[in-house]
Amino acid sequence: MAKLNADLLDDLTIKAAKPTEKQYTLRDGNGLFLLIHPNGSKYFQLRTTLHGKSKLIQLGTYPALSLSEAREQSREKRKLVKVSHKDPIFEAKLVKQQKSKDADNTFQKIAEEWLVIKQRTLAPSTHLKIKQTFNANVYGVIGKYPISEIDNQHVRKCLLIMQKRGALEFMEKTRGWIKSVFDFALSDKLITENPIPLKDERLIKHVGGNFPHLESMADAGKLLRNLVEYAGSFEVASCVYLQLSFAQRPSELRCAKWSEFDLDKAIWTLPLERSKTRKHMTKPHNIMLSRQAVVRLKELKVFTGHSEYLFTGRLNSKPISDKAISNAYDAVFTDYHIVPHGCRHFFSTQANESGLFRKEAIDSFLQHKDKNAISAIYNQATYDDERKSLAQWWSDQLDIARYGANILPFKIA
């Protein structure tokens, strides 16, 4: 039977309660009471029964815990015992353990675990880019927060910083990487839902376009003629030349190793782990080399053959930086802005417009994945012969552009 309201405790009664030589209690009803210690400390406690056994539950000290708060806690814990038949003390321990676990599982910790796993499938350059991006743009804002406590507002905060400086494309990529970290946490049941929505209207959408590229074969010839006068290292100049000649992804060429090349067979075998499209491949990609490319590679080997990489930087143990290559393009061609990746677009345009080669062979040359999933499964053609002809045709076209009509163009047999 509940205690009459007239007999319930009030703040005046509690404040007036003085300590004595022995502890004593002031009851509030329904098992709630205030324990007063000889030292003057006042503790709210709740006595209830679970499975026929008495349970004494500590609620908190007065006045840190107010009378109204103690009554609210008392109601919740009695309900937990009578309705759910759960031990409030044990449940409190579980909550404490979970909070400790959540505090330990920060965004940075989970992101670093995700990066370790993604190292199996990501290209080294991509993996490094994500790691550097998180260090520079993400960890400082949300890295120390428990991942279970982060919402879209927190994530948006670091993305808006990137948006403010105009890095819209990079911001979108970063948002995707962060979303993947939350998906990873969700799969480990560290969170109950991914807080990042499919779309965030407050973020400006990046409008994509083609990579800045050469606009004509005449411009390609001008670049190649200027490259002869390039004041930088032979390694950088060779990378610029071979980037235009190979039309492969800049990161794959820049980090190329001598062990991947068979100059006698005129083949560059790109390992699966370094290929951006390795998820869609079952074996390494062979890149056919033209006669001109082989000559340039042999010249380069005199300079860097002692090293692991074709294009060594200041430290022979590492390849040259992408910034060094970008700067070289800016130096040798000043008519308008172009980037190394634009060489792929330029090659694709010229090869397709020539009408000499099948689109499938050109796509295979560029390592483009088949957008048709069914076709990708069944079409295992490598187009080796046609790609060999294509590589030689392209080098001949570049020579014509550089030297003029003195070079006889390649003809399809």
Protein backbone atom coordinates (compact mmCIF):
# COMPACT_ATOMS: atom_id res chain seq x y z
CA MET A 1 0.00 0.00 0.00
CA ALA A 2 1.38 3.38 -1.04
CA LYS A 3 2.27 5.85 1.66
CA LEU A 4 -0.11 8.83 2.13
CA ASN A 5 1.06 12.05 0.44
CA ALA A 6 1.03 13.82 3.82
CA ASP A 7 3.74 11.44 5.00
CA LEU A 8 5.97 11.78 1.95
CA LEU A 9 9.33 13.43 2.26
CA ASP A 10 9.94 17.01 1.21
CA ASP A 11 13.06 19.13 0.80
CA LEU A 12 12.52 21.00 4.06
CA THR A 13 12.39 17.74 6.01
CA ILE A 14 15.50 16.41 4.27
CA LYS A 15 17.49 19.61 4.82
CA ALA A 16 16.44 19.71 8.46
CA ALA A 17 17.57 16.12 9.10
CA LYS A 18 20.66 16.21 11.32
CA PRO A 19 23.27 13.45 11.68
CA THR A 20 23.35 11.35 14.82
CA GLU A 21 25.81 8.88 16.31
CA LYS A 22 24.08 6.10 14.36
CA GLN A 23 22.76 6.15 10.83
CA TYR A 24 19.00 6.33 10.41
CA THR A 25 16.43 6.49 7.60
CA LEU A 26 13.62 8.73 6.43
CA ARG A 27 11.08 6.78 4.40
CA ASP A 28 9.31 8.14 1.34
CA GLY A 29 7.14 5.14 0.47
CA ASN A 30 7.17 2.34 -2.13
CA GLY A 31 10.60 1.21 -0.92
CA LEU A 32 12.31 4.58 -1.41
CA PHE A 33 14.10 6.04 1.61
CA LEU A 34 16.88 8.43 2.57
CA LEU A 35 19.78 7.05 4.62
CA ILE A 36 21.51 9.65 6.82
CA HIS A 37 25.08 8.82 7.91
CA PRO A 38 26.78 10.07 11.08
CA ASN A 39 29.08 12.22 8.91
CA GLY A 40 26.05 14.03 7.48
CA SER A 41 25.97 12.33 4.06
CA LYS A 42 22.47 11.59 2.77
CA TYR A 43 21.88 8.67 0.38
CA PHE A 44 18.73 7.78 -1.54
CA GLN A 45 18.18 4.03 -1.61
CA LEU A 46 15.47 1.74 -2.92
CA ARG A 47 14.49 -1.60 -1.39
CA THR A 48 12.60 -4.00 -3.65
CA THR A 49 12.14 -7.73 -4.16
CA LEU A 50 13.29 -9.84 -7.14
CA HIS A 51 12.52 -13.57 -7.37
CA GLY A 52 11.55 -13.57 -3.69
CA LYS A 53 14.84 -12.01 -2.58
CA SER A 54 15.35 -8.52 -1.17
CA LYS A 55 17.41 -6.13 -3.30
CA LEU A 56 18.91 -2.88 -2.04
CA ILE A 57 19.64 -0.39 -4.83
CA GLN A 58 21.78 2.73 -4.43
CA LEU A 59 20.31 5.71 -6.29
CA GLY A 60 22.54 8.67 -5.40
CA THR A 61 23.41 11.32 -2.82
CA TYR A 62 21.34 14.32 -1.85
CA PRO A 63 21.38 17.15 -2.99
CA ALA A 64 23.30 16.04 -6.13
CA LEU A 65 20.30 13.81 -6.75
CA SER A 66 17.12 15.75 -6.02
CA LEU A 67 14.06 14.25 -4.34
CA SER A 68 12.04 14.37 -7.58
CA GLU A 69 14.87 12.69 -9.51
CA ALA A 70 15.17 9.99 -6.84
CA ARG A 71 11.43 9.28 -7.11
CA GLU A 72 11.67 9.07 -10.93
CA GLN A 73 14.58 6.64 -10.71
CA SER A 74 12.71 4.65 -8.10
CA ARG A 75 9.67 4.28 -10.36
CA GLU A 76 11.82 3.16 -13.31
CA LYS A 77 13.71 0.56 -11.29
CA ARG A 78 10.54 -0.83 -9.64
CA LYS A 79 9.03 -1.18 -13.10
CA LEU A 80 12.17 -2.96 -14.32
CA VAL A 81 11.88 -5.44 -11.43
CA LYS A 82 8.12 -6.04 -11.43
CA VAL A 83 7.38 -5.93 -15.15
CA SER A 84 10.63 -7.08 -16.79
CA HIS A 85 11.89 -9.17 -13.87
CA LYS A 86 15.39 -7.77 -14.36
CA ASP A 87 18.00 -6.91 -11.77
CA PRO A 88 18.56 -3.13 -11.86
CA ILE A 89 22.05 -3.50 -10.39
CA PHE A 90 23.08 -6.01 -13.05
CA GLU A 91 21.47 -3.91 -15.78
CA ALA A 92 23.35 -0.83 -14.54
CA LYS A 93 26.61 -2.77 -14.78
CA LEU A 94 25.77 -3.74 -18.37
CA VAL A 95 25.03 -0.12 -19.26
CA LYS A 96 28.32 0.97 -17.67
CA GLN A 97 30.24 -1.70 -19.57
CA GLN A 98 28.55 -0.68 -22.84
CA LYS A 99 29.37 2.98 -22.26
CA SER A 100 32.99 2.04 -21.61
CA LYS A 101 33.05 -0.03 -24.80
CA ASP A 102 31.43 2.78 -26.80
CA ALA A 103 33.93 5.30 -25.47
CA ASP A 104 36.77 3.07 -26.61
CA ASN A 105 35.30 2.60 -30.09
CA THR A 106 36.05 6.05 -31.43
CA PHE A 107 35.58 6.95 -35.08
CA GLN A 108 39.35 7.06 -35.58
CA LYS A 109 39.85 3.59 -34.11
CA ILE A 110 37.12 2.04 -36.26
CA ALA A 111 38.30 3.92 -39.35
CA GLU A 112 41.84 2.62 -38.87
CA GLU A 113 40.53 -0.94 -38.51
CA TRP A 114 38.51 -0.43 -41.72
CA LEU A 115 41.59 0.86 -43.53
CA VAL A 116 43.59 -2.23 -42.53
CA ILE A 117 40.94 -4.47 -44.09
CA LYS A 118 40.53 -2.27 -47.18
CA GLN A 119 44.26 -2.56 -47.81
CA ARG A 120 43.48 -5.99 -49.30
CA THR A 121 41.42 -4.53 -52.13
CA LEU A 122 42.37 -0.86 -52.56
CA ALA A 123 45.18 0.33 -54.78
CA PRO A 124 48.09 1.53 -52.59
CA SER A 125 47.71 5.08 -53.90
CA THR A 126 43.99 5.13 -53.07
CA HIS A 127 44.57 3.63 -49.63
CA LEU A 128 47.21 6.28 -48.89
CA LYS A 129 44.92 9.05 -50.16
CA ILE A 130 42.09 7.98 -47.80
CA LYS A 131 44.49 7.71 -44.87
CA GLN A 132 45.94 11.17 -45.54
CA THR A 133 42.46 12.66 -46.04
CA PHE A 134 41.19 11.27 -42.73
CA ASN A 135 44.27 12.58 -40.93
CA ALA A 136 44.00 16.04 -42.49
CA ASN A 137 40.23 16.59 -42.65
CA VAL A 138 38.29 14.12 -40.50
CA TYR A 139 40.05 12.92 -37.35
CA GLY A 140 40.51 16.44 -36.00
CA VAL A 141 36.74 17.01 -36.10
CA ILE A 142 35.14 13.63 -35.25
CA GLY A 143 38.06 11.26 -34.67
CA LYS A 144 37.87 11.21 -30.85
CA TYR A 145 34.08 10.86 -30.66
CA PRO A 146 32.60 7.40 -29.90
CA ILE A 147 31.28 6.26 -33.27
CA SER A 148 27.91 5.45 -31.69
CA GLU A 149 27.47 9.12 -30.72
CA ILE A 150 28.28 10.68 -34.09
CA ASP A 151 25.39 11.93 -36.20
CA ASN A 152 25.17 13.58 -39.62
CA GLN A 153 25.61 17.03 -38.06
CA HIS A 154 29.08 16.06 -36.82
CA VAL A 155 30.05 14.61 -40.20
CA ARG A 156 28.68 17.60 -42.07
CA LYS A 157 30.87 19.90 -39.98
CA CYS A 158 34.12 18.52 -41.41
CA LEU A 159 32.64 18.29 -44.93
CA LEU A 160 31.57 21.95 -44.87
CA ILE A 161 35.18 22.92 -44.15
CA MET A 162 36.20 21.17 -47.38
CA GLN A 163 33.26 22.71 -49.24
CA LYS A 164 34.25 26.19 -48.08
CA ARG A 165 37.67 25.87 -49.70
CA GLY A 166 36.08 24.65 -52.95
CA ALA A 167 37.17 20.99 -52.83
CA LEU A 168 33.73 19.71 -53.86
CA GLU A 169 34.80 16.54 -55.67
CA PHE A 170 37.17 15.62 -52.87
CA MET A 171 34.45 16.37 -50.31
CA GLU A 172 32.06 13.94 -52.03
CA LYS A 173 34.71 11.20 -52.05
CA THR A 174 35.47 11.84 -48.37
CA ARG A 175 31.77 11.61 -47.51
CA GLY A 176 31.61 8.25 -49.28
CA TRP A 177 34.64 6.96 -47.35
CA ILE A 178 33.15 8.11 -44.03
CA LYS A 179 29.88 6.40 -44.93
CA SER A 180 31.79 3.18 -45.59
CA VAL A 181 33.36 3.37 -42.12
CA PHE A 182 29.87 3.61 -40.60
CA ASP A 183 28.73 0.64 -42.72
CA PHE A 184 31.71 -1.27 -41.33
CA ALA A 185 30.71 -0.32 -37.76
CA LEU A 186 27.13 -1.34 -38.51
CA SER A 187 28.26 -4.78 -39.67
CA ASP A 188 30.09 -5.19 -36.35
CA LYS A 189 26.94 -4.06 -34.48
CA LEU A 190 28.76 -1.10 -32.95
CA ILE A 191 25.92 1.14 -34.15
CA THR A 192 22.27 0.47 -34.95
CA GLU A 193 22.09 2.58 -38.13
CA ASN A 194 24.28 4.55 -40.50
CA PRO A 195 23.75 8.24 -39.61
CA ILE A 196 24.73 9.54 -43.06
CA PRO A 197 21.72 9.96 -45.36
CA LEU A 198 21.85 9.19 -49.07
CA LYS A 199 21.66 12.90 -49.81
CA ASP A 200 22.50 16.05 -47.84
CA GLU A 201 20.89 19.16 -49.33
CA ARG A 202 23.20 21.48 -47.38
CA LEU A 203 26.22 20.19 -49.26
CA ILE A 204 26.93 21.54 -52.74
CA LYS A 205 26.96 18.78 -55.32
CA HIS A 206 30.07 18.49 -57.45
CA VAL A 207 29.35 18.67 -61.18
CA GLY A 208 31.84 16.35 -62.80
CA GLY A 209 33.62 16.87 -66.09
CA ASN A 210 36.40 15.38 -68.15
CA PHE A 211 39.99 15.64 -66.97
CA PRO A 212 41.76 18.63 -68.59
CA HIS A 213 43.38 17.16 -71.69
CA LEU A 214 45.10 17.99 -74.97
CA GLU A 215 42.71 19.24 -77.63
CA SER A 216 44.55 18.24 -80.80
CA MET A 217 47.40 16.19 -82.21
CA ALA A 218 49.13 19.47 -83.06
CA ASP A 219 49.13 20.33 -79.34
CA ALA A 220 50.47 16.86 -78.55
CA GLY A 221 53.32 17.51 -80.97
CA LYS A 222 54.06 20.85 -79.31
CA LEU A 223 54.16 19.19 -75.86
CA LEU A 224 56.57 16.52 -77.11
CA ARG A 225 58.87 19.10 -78.74
CA ASN A 226 58.89 21.19 -75.57
CA LEU A 227 59.64 18.07 -73.53
CA VAL A 228 63.04 17.81 -75.25
CA GLU A 229 63.96 21.15 -73.68
CA TYR A 230 62.57 20.23 -70.25
CA ALA A 231 65.00 21.29 -67.53
CA GLY A 232 63.91 18.66 -65.02
CA SER A 233 65.20 15.13 -64.52
CA PHE A 234 65.24 12.48 -67.24
CA GLU A 235 63.07 10.28 -65.02
CA VAL A 236 60.30 12.89 -64.87
CA ALA A 237 60.56 13.63 -68.60
CA SER A 238 60.33 9.91 -69.35
CA CYS A 239 57.24 9.56 -67.18
CA VAL A 240 55.55 12.44 -69.05
CA TYR A 241 56.41 10.86 -72.41
CA LEU A 242 55.34 7.35 -71.43
CA GLN A 243 52.13 8.63 -69.81
CA LEU A 244 51.11 10.07 -73.17
CA SER A 245 52.29 6.94 -74.98
CA PHE A 246 50.77 4.30 -72.66
CA ALA A 247 47.54 6.16 -71.73
CA GLN A 248 47.40 4.15 -68.51
CA ARG A 249 46.33 5.48 -65.11
CA PRO A 250 48.95 7.92 -63.76
CA SER A 251 49.31 6.21 -60.38
CA GLU A 252 49.85 2.82 -62.05
CA LEU A 253 52.60 4.18 -64.29
CA ARG A 254 54.24 6.43 -61.70
CA CYS A 255 54.65 3.49 -59.28
CA ALA A 256 55.66 0.98 -61.97
CA LYS A 257 58.50 -1.42 -61.13
CA TRP A 258 61.16 -2.84 -63.40
CA SER A 259 60.16 -6.36 -62.39
CA GLU A 260 56.84 -5.83 -64.18
CA PHE A 261 58.46 -5.25 -67.59
CA ASP A 262 59.66 -7.75 -70.20
CA LEU A 263 61.36 -5.53 -72.74
CA ASP A 264 62.28 -8.46 -75.00
CA LYS A 265 58.60 -9.39 -75.36
CA ALA A 266 57.52 -5.72 -75.24
CA ILE A 267 54.99 -6.31 -72.45
CA TRP A 268 54.28 -4.54 -69.18
CA THR A 269 52.39 -6.85 -66.79
CA LEU A 270 50.46 -4.80 -64.27
CA PRO A 271 49.90 -6.85 -61.08
CA LEU A 272 46.33 -7.25 -59.88
CA GLU A 273 47.04 -5.58 -56.55
CA ARG A 274 48.09 -2.37 -58.33
CA SER A 275 45.22 -2.21 -60.78
CA LYS A 276 42.29 0.08 -60.02
CA THR A 277 39.91 -2.33 -61.77
CA ARG A 278 41.24 -5.47 -60.07
CA LYS A 279 37.81 -6.23 -58.58
CA HIS A 280 36.63 -6.95 -62.12
CA MET A 281 39.73 -8.87 -63.19
CA THR A 282 40.82 -12.46 -62.77
CA LYS A 283 44.42 -12.05 -63.94
CA PRO A 284 47.04 -9.30 -64.32
CA HIS A 285 46.62 -6.82 -67.17
CA ASN A 286 49.19 -6.99 -69.97
CA ILE A 287 50.04 -3.66 -71.59
CA MET A 288 51.56 -3.93 -75.05
CA LEU A 289 54.60 -1.78 -75.70
CA SER A 290 55.42 -0.04 -78.97
CA ARG A 291 58.91 0.01 -80.46
CA GLN A 292 59.33 3.64 -79.37
CA ALA A 293 58.25 2.84 -75.81
CA VAL A 294 60.76 -0.01 -75.55
CA VAL A 295 63.56 2.29 -76.76
CA ARG A 296 62.65 4.92 -74.15
CA LEU A 297 62.45 2.29 -71.40
CA LYS A 298 65.90 0.97 -72.26
CA GLU A 299 67.28 4.50 -72.09
CA LEU A 300 65.58 5.00 -68.75
CA LYS A 301 66.96 1.74 -67.40
CA VAL A 302 70.46 3.15 -67.69
CA PHE A 303 69.45 5.78 -65.13
CA THR A 304 67.18 3.83 -62.78
CA GLY A 305 67.77 0.15 -63.50
CA HIS A 306 69.51 -0.21 -60.15
CA SER A 307 66.29 0.81 -58.40
CA GLU A 308 63.01 -1.05 -57.84
CA TYR A 309 61.01 1.70 -59.53
CA LEU A 310 61.20 3.08 -63.06
CA PHE A 311 60.79 6.65 -61.92
CA THR A 312 62.74 7.17 -58.73
CA GLY A 313 62.45 10.23 -56.54
CA ARG A 314 65.14 11.75 -54.37
CA LEU A 315 65.05 8.57 -52.34
CA ASN A 316 65.69 5.56 -54.57
CA SER A 317 63.36 3.55 -52.36
CA LYS A 318 60.31 5.57 -53.45
CA PRO A 319 58.83 6.61 -56.81
CA ILE A 320 58.52 10.25 -57.86
CA SER A 321 55.49 12.14 -56.59
CA ASP A 322 52.36 12.84 -58.60
CA LYS A 323 52.97 16.55 -57.93
CA ALA A 324 56.32 16.34 -59.73
CA ILE A 325 54.61 14.92 -62.82
CA SER A 326 51.79 17.48 -62.72
CA ASN A 327 54.35 20.29 -62.43
CA ALA A 328 56.21 18.88 -65.43
CA TYR A 329 53.05 18.98 -67.58
CA ASP A 330 52.52 22.61 -66.55
CA ALA A 331 56.11 23.41 -67.47
CA VAL A 332 56.21 21.81 -70.94
CA PHE A 333 52.73 22.85 -72.09
CA THR A 334 51.50 26.32 -71.18
CA ASP A 335 48.76 26.99 -73.78
CA TYR A 336 46.09 25.69 -71.40
CA HIS A 337 45.85 23.46 -68.35
CA ILE A 338 46.15 19.69 -68.76
CA VAL A 339 46.67 16.86 -66.27
CA PRO A 340 48.31 13.42 -66.60
CA HIS A 341 44.97 11.58 -66.41
CA GLY A 342 43.79 13.62 -69.40
CA CYS A 343 46.17 11.58 -71.58
CA ARG A 344 43.70 8.70 -71.35
CA HIS A 345 40.84 10.86 -72.57
CA PHE A 346 42.97 12.23 -75.41
CA PHE A 347 44.09 8.77 -76.51
CA SER A 348 40.56 7.37 -76.35
CA THR A 349 39.21 10.22 -78.48
CA GLN A 350 41.90 9.85 -81.14
CA ALA A 351 41.70 6.05 -81.26
CA ASN A 352 37.91 5.98 -81.51
CA GLU A 353 37.81 8.73 -84.14
CA SER A 354 40.38 6.90 -86.28
CA GLY A 355 37.87 4.14 -87.02
CA LEU A 356 40.74 1.65 -87.24
CA PHE A 357 40.08 -0.26 -84.03
CA ARG A 358 37.14 -1.89 -82.29
CA LYS A 359 35.75 -0.10 -79.26
CA GLU A 360 36.22 -3.28 -77.20
CA ALA A 361 39.94 -3.32 -77.99
CA ILE A 362 40.30 0.37 -77.09
CA ASP A 363 38.44 -0.18 -73.78
CA SER A 364 40.66 -3.18 -73.06
CA PHE A 365 43.74 -1.05 -73.80
CA LEU A 366 42.51 1.48 -71.23
CA GLN A 367 41.51 -1.20 -68.67
CA HIS A 368 37.92 0.02 -68.71
CA LYS A 369 35.57 -2.38 -66.99
CA ASP A 370 32.62 -3.69 -69.00
CA LYS A 371 29.52 -1.82 -67.82
CA ASN A 372 27.40 -4.77 -68.89
CA ALA A 373 27.70 -7.21 -65.97
CA ILE A 374 26.64 -10.24 -68.03
CA SER A 375 29.01 -9.36 -70.85
CA ALA A 376 31.84 -8.92 -68.36
CA ILE A 377 31.32 -12.48 -67.10
CA TYR A 378 31.29 -14.16 -70.49
CA ASN A 379 33.62 -11.97 -72.53
CA GLN A 380 37.14 -13.02 -71.57
CA ALA A 381 38.75 -11.75 -74.78
CA THR A 382 42.04 -9.91 -74.26
CA TYR A 383 42.41 -8.44 -77.80
CA ASP A 384 46.18 -8.86 -77.47
CA ASP A 385 47.00 -8.61 -81.20
CA GLU A 386 44.73 -5.64 -81.76
CA ARG A 387 46.06 -3.89 -78.67
CA LYS A 388 49.62 -4.47 -79.91
CA SER A 389 48.70 -2.84 -83.21
CA LEU A 390 46.93 -0.05 -81.33
CA ALA A 391 50.00 0.67 -79.16
CA GLN A 392 52.25 0.90 -82.23
CA TRP A 393 49.72 3.04 -84.14
CA TRP A 394 49.49 5.49 -81.25
CA SER A 395 53.27 5.88 -80.87
CA ASP A 396 53.53 6.47 -84.63
CA GLN A 397 50.82 9.13 -84.43
CA LEU A 398 52.70 10.87 -81.63
CA ASP A 399 55.91 10.79 -83.72
CA ILE A 400 54.04 12.29 -86.69
CA ALA A 401 52.69 15.02 -84.45
CA ARG A 402 56.15 15.74 -83.07
CA TYR A 403 58.27 15.50 -86.25
CA GLY A 404 55.77 16.05 -89.03
CA ALA A 405 55.18 14.00 -92.18
CA ASN A 406 58.71 12.53 -92.22
CA ILE A 407 57.41 9.60 -90.16
CA LEU A 408 55.34 7.07 -92.03
CA PRO A 409 52.07 6.43 -90.21
CA PHE A 410 51.22 2.95 -89.01
CA LYS A 411 48.90 1.02 -91.33
CA ILE A 412 46.48 -1.71 -90.37
CA ALA A 413 47.32 -4.88 -92.25
